[in-house]
Amino acid sequence: MKARAYDLVLNGVELGGGSIRIHTPEVQKRVFRLLGIDEESASIKFGFLLDALKYGAPPHGGIALGVDRMVTLLLQLDDIREVIAFPKTQKATCLMTNAPSEVEAQQLNELGIRLVQ
């Protein structure tokens, strides 16, 4: 697969990136097949997207700038976590909110999720 993707790089540091999104149902279906998602599963999980693409979504794209990376460079810091307002630890937990936290059994039941230990 080819992509129309772009990056903003300064002195070898990526400051942002983006791409033109998939906007045709045929390409999206090919990606699902490559990911091992059969047509029935794709329809169940992503039918809304495939239906929307049938109506002719225009090519669209975007870019996500890493402002935190830029500030890290400007301040000549070694660790990006020094400039992130609510940094996660290396285990992806939040020290301020203690997230992720445990989920109530009722929430799991609503979503049809069962925890296996």
N, C-alpha and C. Protein backbone atom coordinates (compact mmCIF):
# COMPACT_ATOMS: atom_id res chain seq x y z
N MET A 1 0.84 -1.18 0.00
CA MET A 1 0.00 0.00 0.00
C MET A 1 0.89 1.24 0.00
N LYS A 2 0.46 2.22 -0.69
CA LYS A 2 1.14 3.50 -0.67
C LYS A 2 0.34 4.45 0.22
N ALA A 3 1.02 5.46 0.71
CA ALA A 3 0.34 6.46 1.53
C ALA A 3 0.82 7.84 1.13
N ARG A 4 -0.05 8.79 1.28
CA ARG A 4 0.33 10.19 1.15
C ARG A 4 0.50 10.69 2.57
N ALA A 5 1.70 10.54 3.07
CA ALA A 5 1.98 10.89 4.46
C ALA A 5 3.11 11.92 4.48
N TYR A 6 3.15 12.69 5.55
CA TYR A 6 4.17 13.72 5.65
C TYR A 6 4.55 13.91 7.11
N ASP A 7 5.78 14.34 7.29
CA ASP A 7 6.31 14.60 8.62
C ASP A 7 6.97 15.96 8.64
N LEU A 8 6.94 16.61 9.78
CA LEU A 8 7.67 17.85 10.00
C LEU A 8 8.83 17.50 10.92
N VAL A 9 10.05 17.68 10.42
CA VAL A 9 11.24 17.27 11.16
C VAL A 9 12.17 18.46 11.32
N LEU A 10 12.73 18.61 12.51
CA LEU A 10 13.69 19.67 12.80
C LEU A 10 14.92 19.03 13.42
N ASN A 11 16.05 19.16 12.75
CA ASN A 11 17.31 18.59 13.26
C ASN A 11 17.17 17.13 13.66
N GLY A 12 16.45 16.37 12.84
CA GLY A 12 16.30 14.94 13.09
C GLY A 12 15.24 14.58 14.10
N VAL A 13 14.50 15.55 14.62
CA VAL A 13 13.44 15.28 15.60
C VAL A 13 12.09 15.52 14.93
N GLU A 14 11.23 14.51 14.97
CA GLU A 14 9.90 14.66 14.39
C GLU A 14 9.05 15.56 15.27
N LEU A 15 8.54 16.63 14.67
CA LEU A 15 7.70 17.57 15.40
C LEU A 15 6.22 17.39 15.09
N GLY A 16 5.92 16.66 14.03
CA GLY A 16 4.53 16.44 13.68
C GLY A 16 4.43 15.55 12.46
N GLY A 17 3.24 15.09 12.20
CA GLY A 17 3.03 14.25 11.04
C GLY A 17 1.56 14.14 10.71
N GLY A 18 1.29 13.69 9.51
CA GLY A 18 -0.09 13.53 9.09
C GLY A 18 -0.17 12.77 7.80
N SER A 19 -1.37 12.68 7.26
CA SER A 19 -1.57 11.95 6.01
C SER A 19 -2.92 12.29 5.43
N ILE A 20 -3.08 11.89 4.16
CA ILE A 20 -4.39 11.94 3.53
C ILE A 20 -5.09 10.66 3.95
N ARG A 21 -6.27 10.77 4.50
CA ARG A 21 -6.99 9.63 5.04
C ARG A 21 -7.60 8.77 3.93
N ILE A 22 -7.90 7.52 4.26
CA ILE A 22 -8.60 6.64 3.33
C ILE A 22 -9.98 7.23 3.08
N HIS A 23 -10.34 7.35 1.79
CA HIS A 23 -11.63 7.96 1.49
C HIS A 23 -12.41 7.19 0.43
N THR A 24 -12.01 5.95 0.15
CA THR A 24 -12.79 5.10 -0.76
C THR A 24 -13.06 3.76 -0.07
N PRO A 25 -14.27 3.22 -0.28
CA PRO A 25 -14.59 1.95 0.38
C PRO A 25 -13.69 0.81 -0.08
N GLU A 26 -13.28 0.81 -1.34
CA GLU A 26 -12.43 -0.27 -1.86
C GLU A 26 -11.10 -0.33 -1.11
N VAL A 27 -10.47 0.80 -0.91
CA VAL A 27 -9.18 0.83 -0.21
C VAL A 27 -9.37 0.43 1.25
N GLN A 28 -10.43 0.91 1.88
CA GLN A 28 -10.68 0.56 3.27
C GLN A 28 -10.89 -0.95 3.42
N LYS A 29 -11.63 -1.55 2.49
CA LYS A 29 -11.86 -3.00 2.53
C LYS A 29 -10.54 -3.76 2.35
N ARG A 30 -9.68 -3.27 1.47
CA ARG A 30 -8.36 -3.91 1.28
C ARG A 30 -7.55 -3.87 2.57
N VAL A 31 -7.59 -2.75 3.26
CA VAL A 31 -6.86 -2.61 4.52
C VAL A 31 -7.42 -3.59 5.55
N PHE A 32 -8.73 -3.69 5.63
CA PHE A 32 -9.33 -4.66 6.56
C PHE A 32 -8.86 -6.08 6.24
N ARG A 33 -8.85 -6.43 4.94
CA ARG A 33 -8.38 -7.77 4.56
C ARG A 33 -6.94 -7.99 4.98
N LEU A 34 -6.09 -6.99 4.76
CA LEU A 34 -4.68 -7.09 5.15
C LEU A 34 -4.54 -7.27 6.66
N LEU A 35 -5.46 -6.70 7.42
CA LEU A 35 -5.43 -6.81 8.87
C LEU A 35 -6.09 -8.10 9.37
N GLY A 36 -6.61 -8.90 8.43
CA GLY A 36 -7.24 -10.15 8.81
C GLY A 36 -8.67 -9.99 9.30
N ILE A 37 -9.32 -8.90 8.93
CA ILE A 37 -10.71 -8.65 9.32
C ILE A 37 -11.59 -9.05 8.14
N ASP A 38 -12.42 -10.09 8.33
CA ASP A 38 -13.27 -10.55 7.24
C ASP A 38 -14.41 -9.57 7.00
N GLU A 39 -15.10 -9.76 5.87
CA GLU A 39 -16.15 -8.80 5.48
C GLU A 39 -17.26 -8.68 6.51
N GLU A 40 -17.66 -9.82 7.07
CA GLU A 40 -18.76 -9.80 8.05
C GLU A 40 -18.36 -9.01 9.30
N SER A 41 -17.15 -9.28 9.82
CA SER A 41 -16.67 -8.56 11.00
C SER A 41 -16.51 -7.07 10.70
N ALA A 42 -15.99 -6.76 9.52
CA ALA A 42 -15.82 -5.36 9.14
C ALA A 42 -17.17 -4.66 9.08
N SER A 43 -18.17 -5.36 8.55
CA SER A 43 -19.51 -4.78 8.46
C SER A 43 -20.10 -4.54 9.84
N ILE A 44 -19.90 -5.51 10.75
CA ILE A 44 -20.44 -5.38 12.11
C ILE A 44 -19.74 -4.25 12.87
N LYS A 45 -18.40 -4.24 12.81
CA LYS A 45 -17.63 -3.28 13.60
C LYS A 45 -17.50 -1.91 12.96
N PHE A 46 -17.41 -1.89 11.62
CA PHE A 46 -17.12 -0.63 10.93
C PHE A 46 -18.11 -0.32 9.81
N GLY A 47 -19.31 -0.91 9.89
CA GLY A 47 -20.31 -0.69 8.85
C GLY A 47 -20.63 0.78 8.64
N PHE A 48 -20.69 1.52 9.73
CA PHE A 48 -20.98 2.96 9.64
C PHE A 48 -19.96 3.68 8.76
N LEU A 49 -18.69 3.28 8.90
CA LEU A 49 -17.63 3.91 8.11
C LEU A 49 -17.74 3.50 6.64
N LEU A 50 -17.90 2.22 6.38
CA LEU A 50 -18.01 1.74 5.01
C LEU A 50 -19.23 2.35 4.32
N ASP A 51 -20.35 2.46 5.04
CA ASP A 51 -21.54 3.09 4.47
C ASP A 51 -21.27 4.55 4.14
N ALA A 52 -20.62 5.25 5.04
CA ALA A 52 -20.32 6.68 4.81
C ALA A 52 -19.41 6.85 3.60
N LEU A 53 -18.43 5.97 3.45
CA LEU A 53 -17.50 6.09 2.32
C LEU A 53 -18.20 5.86 0.98
N LYS A 54 -19.27 5.08 0.98
CA LYS A 54 -20.03 4.83 -0.26
C LYS A 54 -20.61 6.13 -0.82
N TYR A 55 -20.87 7.09 0.04
CA TYR A 55 -21.49 8.34 -0.39
C TYR A 55 -20.49 9.36 -0.91
N GLY A 56 -19.21 8.97 -0.94
CA GLY A 56 -18.22 9.84 -1.56
C GLY A 56 -17.56 10.82 -0.63
N ALA A 57 -16.92 10.31 0.41
CA ALA A 57 -16.16 11.19 1.30
C ALA A 57 -15.04 11.86 0.50
N PRO A 58 -14.88 13.15 0.64
CA PRO A 58 -13.81 13.82 -0.10
C PRO A 58 -12.45 13.48 0.50
N PRO A 59 -11.40 13.52 -0.32
CA PRO A 59 -10.05 13.35 0.26
C PRO A 59 -9.83 14.40 1.33
N HIS A 60 -9.35 13.97 2.46
CA HIS A 60 -9.11 14.91 3.56
C HIS A 60 -7.88 14.44 4.33
N GLY A 61 -7.25 15.36 4.97
CA GLY A 61 -6.05 15.03 5.72
C GLY A 61 -5.88 15.97 6.88
N GLY A 62 -4.81 15.77 7.58
CA GLY A 62 -4.54 16.61 8.72
C GLY A 62 -3.12 16.42 9.17
N ILE A 63 -2.76 17.19 10.14
CA ILE A 63 -1.42 17.09 10.71
C ILE A 63 -1.55 17.26 12.23
N ALA A 64 -0.79 16.49 12.94
CA ALA A 64 -0.75 16.60 14.39
C ALA A 64 0.64 17.11 14.77
N LEU A 65 0.68 18.28 15.31
CA LEU A 65 1.95 18.87 15.71
C LEU A 65 2.27 18.50 17.14
N GLY A 66 3.50 18.14 17.39
CA GLY A 66 3.95 17.80 18.73
C GLY A 66 4.47 19.03 19.45
N VAL A 67 3.54 19.84 19.93
CA VAL A 67 3.93 21.08 20.62
C VAL A 67 4.81 20.75 21.83
N ASP A 68 4.49 19.64 22.50
CA ASP A 68 5.31 19.24 23.65
C ASP A 68 6.75 18.95 23.23
N ARG A 69 6.94 18.37 22.07
CA ARG A 69 8.30 18.11 21.56
C ARG A 69 9.01 19.42 21.24
N MET A 70 8.26 20.36 20.64
CA MET A 70 8.86 21.66 20.30
C MET A 70 9.33 22.38 21.56
N VAL A 71 8.49 22.38 22.58
CA VAL A 71 8.84 23.06 23.84
C VAL A 71 10.05 22.37 24.48
N THR A 72 10.08 21.05 24.42
CA THR A 72 11.22 20.30 24.97
C THR A 72 12.51 20.74 24.29
N LEU A 73 12.47 20.87 22.96
CA LEU A 73 13.66 21.32 22.22
C LEU A 73 14.02 22.76 22.57
N LEU A 74 13.02 23.64 22.60
CA LEU A 74 13.28 25.05 22.89
C LEU A 74 13.89 25.25 24.27
N LEU A 75 13.44 24.44 25.23
CA LEU A 75 13.96 24.56 26.59
C LEU A 75 15.22 23.71 26.82
N GLN A 76 15.64 23.01 25.76
CA GLN A 76 16.84 22.16 25.81
C GLN A 76 16.76 21.13 26.95
N LEU A 77 15.59 20.50 27.06
CA LEU A 77 15.37 19.48 28.08
C LEU A 77 15.63 18.09 27.49
N ASP A 78 15.95 17.14 28.33
CA ASP A 78 16.22 15.78 27.87
C ASP A 78 14.97 14.91 27.84
N ASP A 79 13.97 15.22 28.63
CA ASP A 79 12.82 14.36 28.77
C ASP A 79 11.53 15.12 28.45
N ILE A 80 10.77 14.61 27.50
CA ILE A 80 9.53 15.28 27.08
C ILE A 80 8.52 15.36 28.22
N ARG A 81 8.62 14.44 29.19
CA ARG A 81 7.68 14.45 30.31
C ARG A 81 7.83 15.69 31.18
N GLU A 82 8.93 16.40 31.03
CA GLU A 82 9.13 17.63 31.80
C GLU A 82 8.18 18.75 31.35
N VAL A 83 7.64 18.64 30.13
CA VAL A 83 6.79 19.71 29.61
C VAL A 83 5.34 19.28 29.40
N ILE A 84 5.02 18.03 29.67
CA ILE A 84 3.65 17.55 29.52
C ILE A 84 2.89 17.85 30.80
N ALA A 85 1.73 18.48 30.66
CA ALA A 85 0.97 18.90 31.84
C ALA A 85 0.56 17.72 32.73
N PHE A 86 0.14 16.63 32.12
CA PHE A 86 -0.31 15.47 32.88
C PHE A 86 0.40 14.23 32.34
N PRO A 87 1.68 14.08 32.67
CA PRO A 87 2.45 12.97 32.08
C PRO A 87 2.03 11.62 32.62
N LYS A 88 2.15 10.62 31.76
CA LYS A 88 1.93 9.25 32.17
C LYS A 88 3.28 8.66 32.58
N THR A 89 3.25 7.66 33.42
CA THR A 89 4.49 6.98 33.80
C THR A 89 4.87 6.01 32.68
N GLN A 90 5.97 5.31 32.83
CA GLN A 90 6.38 4.33 31.82
C GLN A 90 5.40 3.16 31.74
N LYS A 91 4.55 3.00 32.76
CA LYS A 91 3.53 1.95 32.74
C LYS A 91 2.19 2.50 32.26
N ALA A 92 2.17 3.70 31.68
CA ALA A 92 0.97 4.34 31.14
C ALA A 92 -0.09 4.59 32.21
N THR A 93 0.35 4.95 33.40
CA THR A 93 -0.59 5.33 34.45
C THR A 93 -0.44 6.82 34.73
N CYS A 94 -1.49 7.42 35.24
CA CYS A 94 -1.47 8.84 35.55
C CYS A 94 -1.32 9.01 37.05
N LEU A 95 -0.30 9.73 37.45
CA LEU A 95 -0.04 9.92 38.87
C LEU A 95 -1.09 10.80 39.54
N MET A 96 -1.71 11.71 38.79
CA MET A 96 -2.68 12.62 39.40
C MET A 96 -4.05 11.99 39.57
N THR A 97 -4.49 11.22 38.57
CA THR A 97 -5.85 10.67 38.60
C THR A 97 -5.87 9.18 38.92
N ASN A 98 -4.70 8.58 38.98
CA ASN A 98 -4.56 7.15 39.23
C ASN A 98 -5.21 6.32 38.12
N ALA A 99 -5.31 6.89 36.93
CA ALA A 99 -5.88 6.18 35.78
C ALA A 99 -4.80 5.30 35.15
N PRO A 100 -5.13 4.19 34.59
CA PRO A 100 -6.48 3.66 34.52
C PRO A 100 -6.89 3.04 35.85
N SER A 101 -8.13 3.22 36.19
CA SER A 101 -8.64 2.66 37.45
C SER A 101 -9.50 1.44 37.14
N GLU A 102 -9.94 0.77 38.19
CA GLU A 102 -10.77 -0.41 38.00
C GLU A 102 -12.13 0.00 37.46
N VAL A 103 -12.72 -0.90 36.70
CA VAL A 103 -14.02 -0.65 36.09
C VAL A 103 -15.06 -1.45 36.87
N GLU A 104 -16.22 -0.84 37.07
CA GLU A 104 -17.29 -1.51 37.79
C GLU A 104 -17.85 -2.67 36.97
N ALA A 105 -18.30 -3.72 37.66
CA ALA A 105 -18.86 -4.90 37.00
C ALA A 105 -20.02 -4.53 36.09
N GLN A 106 -20.85 -3.58 36.51
CA GLN A 106 -22.00 -3.16 35.71
C GLN A 106 -21.55 -2.60 34.36
N GLN A 107 -20.48 -1.81 34.35
CA GLN A 107 -19.97 -1.25 33.10
C GLN A 107 -19.49 -2.36 32.18
N LEU A 108 -18.79 -3.34 32.73
CA LEU A 108 -18.32 -4.47 31.93
C LEU A 108 -19.48 -5.25 31.34
N ASN A 109 -20.52 -5.48 32.15
CA ASN A 109 -21.70 -6.21 31.68
C ASN A 109 -22.40 -5.47 30.55
N GLU A 110 -22.50 -4.14 30.66
CA GLU A 110 -23.14 -3.34 29.60
C GLU A 110 -22.42 -3.49 28.28
N LEU A 111 -21.09 -3.62 28.34
CA LEU A 111 -20.28 -3.73 27.13
C LEU A 111 -20.03 -5.17 26.70
N GLY A 112 -20.52 -6.12 27.50
CA GLY A 112 -20.31 -7.52 27.16
C GLY A 112 -18.86 -7.95 27.30
N ILE A 113 -18.16 -7.38 28.28
CA ILE A 113 -16.75 -7.68 28.49
C ILE A 113 -16.59 -8.53 29.75
N ARG A 114 -15.77 -9.55 29.66
CA ARG A 114 -15.49 -10.42 30.80
C ARG A 114 -13.99 -10.40 31.05
N LEU A 115 -13.58 -10.16 32.28
CA LEU A 115 -12.17 -10.14 32.64
C LEU A 115 -11.70 -11.56 32.93
N VAL A 116 -10.55 -11.90 32.39
CA VAL A 116 -9.97 -13.21 32.63
C VAL A 116 -8.66 -13.00 33.37
N GLN A 117 -8.50 -13.67 34.50
CA GLN A 117 -7.28 -13.51 35.30
C GLN A 117 -6.25 -14.53 34.92
